[in-house]
Amino acid sequence: MKNEIVVNLFDSYSNDLYRFALSYIGIKQEAEDIVQNVFLKLLSKNVPIRSEYEKAYLYKMTANMCRDYLKSCKNKAMLNYDELDNLIGSDKDINDEDESFYNCLMSLKELYRVPIYLHYYEGYTYEEIAKILKLGESAVAMRINRGKEELKKKWRNQHGTEC
């Protein structure tokens, strides 16, 4: 792929991909490395990406690299989610309750957290999430519904109210 195309893609999507990778694996430095590797891979390969699918394609590449990272033997230890506060952009006006809710979401298992993040924070449909995560649409719907139930329980335990 041409350098200027990759640079334009990087400028357009690197922050979104970083937040996604961070929500997926929970380690700031590894999320940065994964995003860097996505764009390095694009530079080294001549992959034609149609403009209407470029964002989904980049998310799929990032998800695959995150899965590979989590599968690797060196990363079987407990993940550190203390750095997830960087995920909330400083340019947004976020109150304590929003941040608390977001932290509650990030404490969910990856199984539920990733589909919920893609749907509610990134705006993907169930069909698009299914393609990104290589799942069926019904599996995505089930994970989002179960994740929402877990999220409600966690929120209720922490705050004593419904979210």
N, C-alpha and C. Protein backbone atom coordinates (compact mmCIF):
# COMPACT_ATOMS: atom_id res chain seq x y z
N MET A 1 0.84 -1.16 0.00
CA MET A 1 0.00 0.00 0.00
C MET A 1 0.89 1.24 0.00
N LYS A 2 0.47 2.27 -0.66
CA LYS A 2 1.28 3.48 -0.75
C LYS A 2 1.37 4.18 0.61
N ASN A 3 2.53 4.77 0.84
CA ASN A 3 2.80 5.43 2.12
C ASN A 3 1.78 6.51 2.46
N GLU A 4 1.44 7.34 1.47
CA GLU A 4 0.52 8.44 1.77
C GLU A 4 -0.88 7.94 2.11
N ILE A 5 -1.30 6.83 1.54
CA ILE A 5 -2.60 6.25 1.88
C ILE A 5 -2.58 5.74 3.31
N VAL A 6 -1.50 5.06 3.69
CA VAL A 6 -1.37 4.54 5.05
C VAL A 6 -1.30 5.69 6.05
N VAL A 7 -0.60 6.74 5.72
CA VAL A 7 -0.52 7.91 6.60
C VAL A 7 -1.91 8.52 6.79
N ASN A 8 -2.68 8.63 5.72
CA ASN A 8 -4.05 9.15 5.83
C ASN A 8 -4.92 8.24 6.69
N LEU A 9 -4.79 6.93 6.52
CA LEU A 9 -5.54 5.99 7.35
C LEU A 9 -5.12 6.12 8.82
N PHE A 10 -3.83 6.27 9.03
CA PHE A 10 -3.32 6.43 10.39
C PHE A 10 -3.91 7.68 11.03
N ASP A 11 -3.87 8.79 10.30
CA ASP A 11 -4.41 10.04 10.83
C ASP A 11 -5.90 9.92 11.15
N SER A 12 -6.61 9.18 10.33
CA SER A 12 -8.06 9.06 10.49
C SER A 12 -8.47 8.09 11.59
N TYR A 13 -7.74 6.98 11.76
CA TYR A 13 -8.24 5.89 12.59
C TYR A 13 -7.34 5.46 13.74
N SER A 14 -6.14 5.97 13.85
CA SER A 14 -5.22 5.44 14.86
C SER A 14 -5.74 5.62 16.29
N ASN A 15 -6.35 6.75 16.60
CA ASN A 15 -6.88 6.95 17.96
C ASN A 15 -8.02 5.98 18.27
N ASP A 16 -8.91 5.78 17.31
CA ASP A 16 -10.02 4.84 17.51
C ASP A 16 -9.49 3.42 17.69
N LEU A 17 -8.53 3.04 16.87
CA LEU A 17 -7.96 1.70 16.96
C LEU A 17 -7.21 1.50 18.28
N TYR A 18 -6.53 2.55 18.72
CA TYR A 18 -5.83 2.47 20.00
C TYR A 18 -6.83 2.24 21.14
N ARG A 19 -7.91 3.01 21.18
CA ARG A 19 -8.92 2.84 22.23
C ARG A 19 -9.53 1.45 22.16
N PHE A 20 -9.77 0.96 20.96
CA PHE A 20 -10.32 -0.38 20.80
C PHE A 20 -9.34 -1.42 21.31
N ALA A 21 -8.07 -1.32 20.90
CA ALA A 21 -7.06 -2.29 21.35
C ALA A 21 -6.89 -2.23 22.86
N LEU A 22 -6.92 -1.04 23.42
CA LEU A 22 -6.79 -0.89 24.87
C LEU A 22 -7.98 -1.51 25.58
N SER A 23 -9.18 -1.34 25.04
CA SER A 23 -10.35 -1.95 25.66
C SER A 23 -10.30 -3.47 25.53
N TYR A 24 -9.64 -3.95 24.50
CA TYR A 24 -9.55 -5.39 24.25
C TYR A 24 -8.54 -6.05 25.18
N ILE A 25 -7.34 -5.46 25.31
CA ILE A 25 -6.28 -6.13 26.07
C ILE A 25 -5.92 -5.45 27.39
N GLY A 26 -6.21 -4.16 27.53
CA GLY A 26 -6.03 -3.50 28.81
C GLY A 26 -4.63 -3.04 29.16
N ILE A 27 -3.70 -3.08 28.25
CA ILE A 27 -2.32 -2.67 28.54
C ILE A 27 -1.92 -1.61 27.52
N LYS A 28 -1.63 -0.42 28.04
CA LYS A 28 -1.39 0.74 27.18
C LYS A 28 -0.29 0.50 26.15
N GLN A 29 0.87 0.06 26.61
CA GLN A 29 2.01 -0.11 25.70
C GLN A 29 1.73 -1.18 24.63
N GLU A 30 1.07 -2.23 25.03
CA GLU A 30 0.76 -3.29 24.07
C GLU A 30 -0.28 -2.81 23.05
N ALA A 31 -1.24 -2.02 23.50
CA ALA A 31 -2.24 -1.47 22.58
C ALA A 31 -1.56 -0.56 21.56
N GLU A 32 -0.60 0.25 22.02
CA GLU A 32 0.14 1.12 21.10
C GLU A 32 0.91 0.28 20.08
N ASP A 33 1.56 -0.78 20.55
CA ASP A 33 2.32 -1.66 19.66
C ASP A 33 1.42 -2.34 18.63
N ILE A 34 0.26 -2.76 19.08
CA ILE A 34 -0.67 -3.44 18.16
C ILE A 34 -1.11 -2.49 17.06
N VAL A 35 -1.46 -1.26 17.42
CA VAL A 35 -1.88 -0.29 16.41
C VAL A 35 -0.73 0.01 15.46
N GLN A 36 0.45 0.16 15.99
CA GLN A 36 1.63 0.38 15.14
C GLN A 36 1.82 -0.79 14.18
N ASN A 37 1.66 -2.01 14.68
CA ASN A 37 1.83 -3.19 13.83
C ASN A 37 0.77 -3.29 12.75
N VAL A 38 -0.44 -2.82 13.04
CA VAL A 38 -1.49 -2.80 12.01
C VAL A 38 -1.04 -1.96 10.82
N PHE A 39 -0.53 -0.77 11.12
CA PHE A 39 -0.14 0.13 10.04
C PHE A 39 1.17 -0.30 9.37
N LEU A 40 2.06 -0.91 10.13
CA LEU A 40 3.27 -1.46 9.52
C LEU A 40 2.93 -2.60 8.55
N LYS A 41 1.97 -3.40 8.93
CA LYS A 41 1.52 -4.48 8.06
C LYS A 41 0.91 -3.93 6.77
N LEU A 42 0.15 -2.86 6.89
CA LEU A 42 -0.42 -2.23 5.70
C LEU A 42 0.68 -1.70 4.78
N LEU A 43 1.74 -1.15 5.38
CA LEU A 43 2.85 -0.63 4.57
C LEU A 43 3.58 -1.75 3.84
N SER A 44 3.71 -2.89 4.50
CA SER A 44 4.50 -3.98 3.92
C SER A 44 3.72 -4.82 2.91
N LYS A 45 2.41 -4.76 2.97
CA LYS A 45 1.58 -5.56 2.06
C LYS A 45 0.86 -4.65 1.08
N ASN A 46 0.57 -5.18 -0.05
CA ASN A 46 -0.19 -4.43 -1.04
C ASN A 46 -1.65 -4.89 -0.97
N VAL A 47 -2.33 -4.41 0.06
CA VAL A 47 -3.70 -4.81 0.31
C VAL A 47 -4.64 -3.72 -0.18
N PRO A 48 -5.43 -4.02 -1.21
CA PRO A 48 -6.39 -3.00 -1.65
C PRO A 48 -7.60 -2.98 -0.71
N ILE A 49 -7.88 -1.82 -0.15
CA ILE A 49 -9.01 -1.66 0.76
C ILE A 49 -9.96 -0.65 0.14
N ARG A 50 -11.20 -1.06 -0.05
CA ARG A 50 -12.20 -0.12 -0.57
C ARG A 50 -12.54 0.87 0.52
N SER A 51 -12.66 2.12 0.16
CA SER A 51 -12.82 3.21 1.13
C SER A 51 -14.03 3.02 2.05
N GLU A 52 -15.11 2.42 1.54
CA GLU A 52 -16.29 2.26 2.39
C GLU A 52 -16.10 1.17 3.45
N TYR A 53 -15.06 0.33 3.30
CA TYR A 53 -14.81 -0.74 4.26
C TYR A 53 -13.52 -0.57 5.04
N GLU A 54 -12.83 0.54 4.87
CA GLU A 54 -11.50 0.68 5.48
C GLU A 54 -11.56 0.65 7.01
N LYS A 55 -12.53 1.29 7.62
CA LYS A 55 -12.60 1.30 9.07
C LYS A 55 -12.86 -0.11 9.62
N ALA A 56 -13.81 -0.80 9.04
CA ALA A 56 -14.11 -2.16 9.49
C ALA A 56 -12.91 -3.09 9.27
N TYR A 57 -12.23 -2.92 8.16
CA TYR A 57 -11.05 -3.74 7.87
C TYR A 57 -9.96 -3.49 8.92
N LEU A 58 -9.73 -2.24 9.27
CA LEU A 58 -8.72 -1.91 10.27
C LEU A 58 -9.11 -2.44 11.64
N TYR A 59 -10.39 -2.37 11.98
CA TYR A 59 -10.84 -2.94 13.26
C TYR A 59 -10.65 -4.45 13.28
N LYS A 60 -10.91 -5.08 12.15
CA LYS A 60 -10.74 -6.53 12.09
C LYS A 60 -9.27 -6.90 12.25
N MET A 61 -8.39 -6.16 11.59
CA MET A 61 -6.95 -6.41 11.74
C MET A 61 -6.53 -6.22 13.19
N THR A 62 -7.02 -5.17 13.81
CA THR A 62 -6.67 -4.89 15.20
C THR A 62 -7.20 -5.98 16.12
N ALA A 63 -8.43 -6.40 15.90
CA ALA A 63 -9.01 -7.48 16.72
C ALA A 63 -8.19 -8.76 16.58
N ASN A 64 -7.79 -9.08 15.37
CA ASN A 64 -6.98 -10.28 15.16
C ASN A 64 -5.64 -10.18 15.88
N MET A 65 -5.01 -9.02 15.81
CA MET A 65 -3.73 -8.86 16.50
C MET A 65 -3.90 -8.90 18.01
N CYS A 66 -5.00 -8.37 18.51
CA CYS A 66 -5.26 -8.43 19.94
C CYS A 66 -5.48 -9.88 20.38
N ARG A 67 -6.24 -10.63 19.59
CA ARG A 67 -6.45 -12.05 19.91
C ARG A 67 -5.14 -12.80 19.91
N ASP A 68 -4.30 -12.54 18.91
CA ASP A 68 -2.99 -13.20 18.86
C ASP A 68 -2.16 -12.85 20.08
N TYR A 69 -2.21 -11.60 20.47
CA TYR A 69 -1.46 -11.17 21.65
C TYR A 69 -1.95 -11.93 22.88
N LEU A 70 -3.26 -12.00 23.07
CA LEU A 70 -3.81 -12.65 24.24
C LEU A 70 -3.56 -14.15 24.25
N LYS A 71 -3.43 -14.75 23.07
CA LYS A 71 -3.16 -16.18 22.98
C LYS A 71 -1.71 -16.53 23.26
N SER A 72 -0.83 -15.57 23.07
CA SER A 72 0.59 -15.87 23.21
C SER A 72 0.91 -16.30 24.64
N CYS A 73 1.86 -17.16 24.76
CA CYS A 73 2.22 -17.74 26.07
C CYS A 73 2.69 -16.70 27.06
N LYS A 74 3.39 -15.69 26.61
CA LYS A 74 3.94 -14.71 27.54
C LYS A 74 2.88 -13.83 28.18
N ASN A 75 1.65 -13.91 27.71
CA ASN A 75 0.62 -13.01 28.21
C ASN A 75 -0.50 -13.73 28.94
N LYS A 76 -0.22 -14.86 29.53
CA LYS A 76 -1.24 -15.60 30.25
C LYS A 76 -1.51 -15.02 31.64
N ALA A 77 -0.65 -14.11 32.10
CA ALA A 77 -0.82 -13.52 33.43
C ALA A 77 -2.04 -12.60 33.45
N MET A 78 -2.41 -12.18 34.62
CA MET A 78 -3.55 -11.27 34.80
C MET A 78 -3.28 -9.95 34.10
N LEU A 79 -4.26 -9.44 33.38
CA LEU A 79 -4.12 -8.18 32.66
C LEU A 79 -4.28 -6.99 33.60
N ASN A 80 -3.57 -5.93 33.31
CA ASN A 80 -3.61 -4.72 34.13
C ASN A 80 -4.53 -3.70 33.49
N TYR A 81 -5.66 -3.42 34.13
CA TYR A 81 -6.62 -2.47 33.60
C TYR A 81 -6.53 -1.11 34.28
N ASP A 82 -5.49 -0.88 35.07
CA ASP A 82 -5.35 0.39 35.76
C ASP A 82 -5.16 1.54 34.78
N GLU A 83 -4.65 1.28 33.61
CA GLU A 83 -4.36 2.35 32.67
C GLU A 83 -5.52 2.67 31.74
N LEU A 84 -6.66 2.07 31.99
CA LEU A 84 -7.80 2.29 31.10
C LEU A 84 -8.38 3.70 31.23
N ASP A 85 -7.97 4.44 32.24
CA ASP A 85 -8.48 5.80 32.34
C ASP A 85 -8.04 6.65 31.17
N ASN A 86 -6.95 6.26 30.49
CA ASN A 86 -6.51 6.97 29.30
C ASN A 86 -7.48 6.79 28.15
N LEU A 87 -8.30 5.76 28.23
CA LEU A 87 -9.27 5.50 27.18
C LEU A 87 -10.31 6.61 27.08
N ILE A 88 -10.62 7.24 28.19
CA ILE A 88 -11.60 8.31 28.17
C ILE A 88 -10.88 9.56 27.71
N GLY A 89 -11.24 10.04 26.54
CA GLY A 89 -10.54 11.18 25.96
C GLY A 89 -10.67 12.43 26.79
N SER A 90 -9.59 13.17 26.93
CA SER A 90 -9.60 14.40 27.72
C SER A 90 -10.39 15.50 27.03
N ASP A 91 -10.67 15.32 25.74
CA ASP A 91 -11.42 16.34 25.02
C ASP A 91 -12.92 16.21 25.24
N LYS A 92 -13.36 15.19 25.94
CA LYS A 92 -14.77 15.00 26.20
C LYS A 92 -15.11 15.50 27.59
N ASP A 93 -16.33 15.98 27.75
CA ASP A 93 -16.79 16.43 29.06
C ASP A 93 -17.42 15.24 29.77
N ILE A 94 -16.64 14.58 30.63
CA ILE A 94 -17.08 13.36 31.28
C ILE A 94 -17.24 13.62 32.77
N ASN A 95 -18.40 13.25 33.31
CA ASN A 95 -18.59 13.42 34.74
C ASN A 95 -18.19 12.13 35.48
N ASP A 96 -18.21 12.17 36.80
CA ASP A 96 -17.77 11.04 37.61
C ASP A 96 -18.63 9.81 37.37
N GLU A 97 -19.93 10.01 37.18
CA GLU A 97 -20.82 8.87 36.96
C GLU A 97 -20.52 8.19 35.63
N ASP A 98 -20.27 8.99 34.58
CA ASP A 98 -19.90 8.42 33.28
C ASP A 98 -18.61 7.62 33.39
N GLU A 99 -17.64 8.18 34.09
CA GLU A 99 -16.36 7.49 34.24
C GLU A 99 -16.53 6.21 35.05
N SER A 100 -17.35 6.28 36.09
CA SER A 100 -17.62 5.11 36.91
C SER A 100 -18.30 4.01 36.09
N PHE A 101 -19.25 4.42 35.26
CA PHE A 101 -19.92 3.46 34.40
C PHE A 101 -18.94 2.83 33.42
N TYR A 102 -18.09 3.67 32.83
CA TYR A 102 -17.10 3.17 31.88
C TYR A 102 -16.15 2.18 32.56
N ASN A 103 -15.71 2.49 33.76
CA ASN A 103 -14.83 1.58 34.50
C ASN A 103 -15.54 0.28 34.82
N CYS A 104 -16.82 0.37 35.10
CA CYS A 104 -17.62 -0.83 35.34
C CYS A 104 -17.67 -1.68 34.07
N LEU A 105 -17.87 -1.03 32.94
CA LEU A 105 -17.86 -1.74 31.65
C LEU A 105 -16.52 -2.42 31.41
N MET A 106 -15.43 -1.72 31.69
CA MET A 106 -14.11 -2.27 31.43
C MET A 106 -13.76 -3.42 32.36
N SER A 107 -14.51 -3.58 33.45
CA SER A 107 -14.24 -4.69 34.36
C SER A 107 -14.93 -5.98 33.91
N LEU A 108 -15.76 -5.90 32.88
CA LEU A 108 -16.40 -7.11 32.34
C LEU A 108 -15.36 -8.02 31.68
N LYS A 109 -15.71 -9.28 31.55
CA LYS A 109 -14.86 -10.22 30.82
C LYS A 109 -14.75 -9.75 29.36
N GLU A 110 -13.63 -10.05 28.75
CA GLU A 110 -13.40 -9.69 27.34
C GLU A 110 -14.55 -10.18 26.46
N LEU A 111 -15.04 -11.34 26.76
CA LEU A 111 -16.12 -11.96 26.00
C LEU A 111 -17.31 -11.02 25.82
N TYR A 112 -17.64 -10.27 26.86
CA TYR A 112 -18.78 -9.35 26.82
C TYR A 112 -18.34 -7.91 26.54
N ARG A 113 -17.19 -7.52 27.07
CA ARG A 113 -16.73 -6.14 26.99
C ARG A 113 -16.51 -5.69 25.55
N VAL A 114 -15.85 -6.51 24.74
CA VAL A 114 -15.49 -6.11 23.38
C VAL A 114 -16.72 -5.88 22.51
N PRO A 115 -17.68 -6.80 22.45
CA PRO A 115 -18.87 -6.52 21.63
C PRO A 115 -19.67 -5.30 22.11
N ILE A 116 -19.78 -5.13 23.43
CA ILE A 116 -20.49 -3.96 23.96
C ILE A 116 -19.76 -2.69 23.57
N TYR A 117 -18.44 -2.69 23.70
CA TYR A 117 -17.66 -1.51 23.33
C TYR A 117 -17.87 -1.17 21.85
N LEU A 118 -17.76 -2.18 20.99
CA LEU A 118 -17.91 -1.93 19.55
C LEU A 118 -19.31 -1.41 19.21
N HIS A 119 -20.31 -1.95 19.89
CA HIS A 119 -21.69 -1.55 19.56
C HIS A 119 -22.03 -0.16 20.11
N TYR A 120 -21.78 0.06 21.39
CA TYR A 120 -22.25 1.29 22.02
C TYR A 120 -21.26 2.45 21.93
N TYR A 121 -19.96 2.17 21.89
CA TYR A 121 -18.99 3.25 21.82
C TYR A 121 -18.55 3.55 20.39
N GLU A 122 -18.51 2.54 19.54
CA GLU A 122 -18.06 2.74 18.17
C GLU A 122 -19.21 2.74 17.17
N GLY A 123 -20.40 2.30 17.58
CA GLY A 123 -21.57 2.38 16.73
C GLY A 123 -21.72 1.29 15.67
N TYR A 124 -21.03 0.17 15.85
CA TYR A 124 -21.15 -0.92 14.88
C TYR A 124 -22.45 -1.69 15.10
N THR A 125 -22.98 -2.23 14.00
CA THR A 125 -24.16 -3.09 14.08
C THR A 125 -23.72 -4.48 14.50
N TYR A 126 -24.69 -5.31 14.87
CA TYR A 126 -24.38 -6.69 15.26
C TYR A 126 -23.71 -7.43 14.10
N GLU A 127 -24.19 -7.18 12.89
CA GLU A 127 -23.63 -7.84 11.71
C GLU A 127 -22.16 -7.45 11.53
N GLU A 128 -21.86 -6.17 11.68
CA GLU A 128 -20.48 -5.70 11.51
C GLU A 128 -19.57 -6.26 12.62
N ILE A 129 -20.09 -6.31 13.84
CA ILE A 129 -19.32 -6.86 14.95
C ILE A 129 -19.05 -8.34 14.71
N ALA A 130 -20.04 -9.04 14.20
CA ALA A 130 -19.87 -10.47 13.91
C ALA A 130 -18.72 -10.68 12.92
N LYS A 131 -18.63 -9.83 11.92
CA LYS A 131 -17.53 -9.95 10.95
C LYS A 131 -16.19 -9.62 11.58
N ILE A 132 -16.14 -8.57 12.39
CA ILE A 132 -14.89 -8.16 13.02
C ILE A 132 -14.38 -9.24 13.96
N LEU A 133 -15.28 -9.82 14.76
CA LEU A 133 -14.88 -10.80 15.78
C LEU A 133 -14.96 -12.25 15.31
N LYS A 134 -15.36 -12.43 14.05
CA LYS A 134 -15.50 -13.77 13.47
C LYS A 134 -16.47 -14.64 14.28
N LEU A 135 -17.66 -14.08 14.51
CA LEU A 135 -18.73 -14.75 15.24
C LEU A 135 -20.01 -14.68 14.43
N GLY A 136 -21.00 -15.42 14.85
CA GLY A 136 -22.32 -15.29 14.27
C GLY A 136 -23.04 -14.11 14.89
N GLU A 137 -24.01 -13.58 14.18
CA GLU A 137 -24.77 -12.44 14.71
C GLU A 137 -25.49 -12.81 16.00
N SER A 138 -26.00 -14.04 16.07
CA SER A 138 -26.69 -14.45 17.29
C SER A 138 -25.73 -14.52 18.47
N ALA A 139 -24.48 -14.92 18.23
CA ALA A 139 -23.48 -14.95 19.30
C ALA A 139 -23.17 -13.54 19.79
N VAL A 140 -23.10 -12.60 18.85
CA VAL A 140 -22.87 -11.20 19.22
C VAL A 140 -24.03 -10.68 20.06
N ALA A 141 -25.25 -10.94 19.61
CA ALA A 141 -26.43 -10.49 20.35
C ALA A 141 -26.46 -11.11 21.75
N MET A 142 -26.13 -12.39 21.85
CA MET A 142 -26.13 -13.07 23.13
C MET A 142 -25.07 -12.46 24.06
N ARG A 143 -23.88 -12.20 23.53
CA ARG A 143 -22.80 -11.63 24.35
C ARG A 143 -23.15 -10.21 24.81
N ILE A 144 -23.76 -9.44 23.94
CA ILE A 144 -24.15 -8.09 24.34
C ILE A 144 -25.23 -8.14 25.41
N ASN A 145 -26.23 -9.01 25.22
CA ASN A 145 -27.30 -9.11 26.22
C ASN A 145 -26.77 -9.61 27.56
N ARG A 146 -25.95 -10.64 27.54
CA ARG A 146 -25.39 -11.16 28.79
C ARG A 146 -24.44 -10.14 29.43
N GLY A 147 -23.70 -9.45 28.59
CA GLY A 147 -22.81 -8.42 29.11
C GLY A 147 -23.57 -7.30 29.77
N LYS A 148 -24.70 -6.91 29.17
CA LYS A 148 -25.52 -5.86 29.77
C LYS A 148 -26.07 -6.31 31.12
N GLU A 149 -26.45 -7.57 31.23
CA GLU A 149 -26.94 -8.10 32.51
C GLU A 149 -25.83 -8.08 33.56
N GLU A 150 -24.62 -8.50 33.18
CA GLU A 150 -23.49 -8.45 34.09
C GLU A 150 -23.18 -7.02 34.50
N LEU A 151 -23.26 -6.13 33.54
CA LEU A 151 -23.00 -4.72 33.80
C LEU A 151 -24.02 -4.16 34.80
N LYS A 152 -25.28 -4.52 34.63
CA LYS A 152 -26.32 -4.07 35.56
C LYS A 152 -26.03 -4.57 36.98
N LYS A 153 -25.63 -5.85 37.09
CA LYS A 153 -25.31 -6.41 38.41
C LYS A 153 -24.14 -5.67 39.04
N LYS A 154 -23.08 -5.46 38.27
CA LYS A 154 -21.90 -4.76 38.80
C LYS A 154 -22.27 -3.35 39.23
N TRP A 155 -23.04 -2.66 38.42
CA TRP A 155 -23.43 -1.29 38.73
C TRP A 155 -24.29 -1.26 40.00
N ARG A 156 -25.24 -2.20 40.08
CA ARG A 156 -26.11 -2.27 41.24
C ARG A 156 -25.30 -2.55 42.51
N ASN A 157 -24.31 -3.44 42.42
CA ASN A 157 -23.46 -3.76 43.57
C ASN A 157 -22.62 -2.57 44.00
N GLN A 158 -22.14 -1.79 43.03
CA GLN A 158 -21.29 -0.65 43.35
C GLN A 158 -22.07 0.58 43.81
N HIS A 159 -23.25 0.80 43.20
CA HIS A 159 -23.97 2.06 43.43
C HIS A 159 -25.35 1.89 44.06
N GLY A 160 -25.84 0.68 44.10
CA GLY A 160 -27.14 0.44 44.70
C GLY A 160 -28.32 0.92 43.87
N THR A 161 -28.06 1.32 42.63
CA THR A 161 -29.13 1.79 41.75
C THR A 161 -29.00 1.15 40.38
N GLU A 162 -30.05 1.27 39.58
CA GLU A 162 -29.99 0.80 38.20
C GLU A 162 -29.19 1.77 37.36
N CYS A 163 -28.55 1.26 36.28
CA CYS A 163 -27.81 2.17 35.40
C CYS A 163 -28.67 2.57 34.24
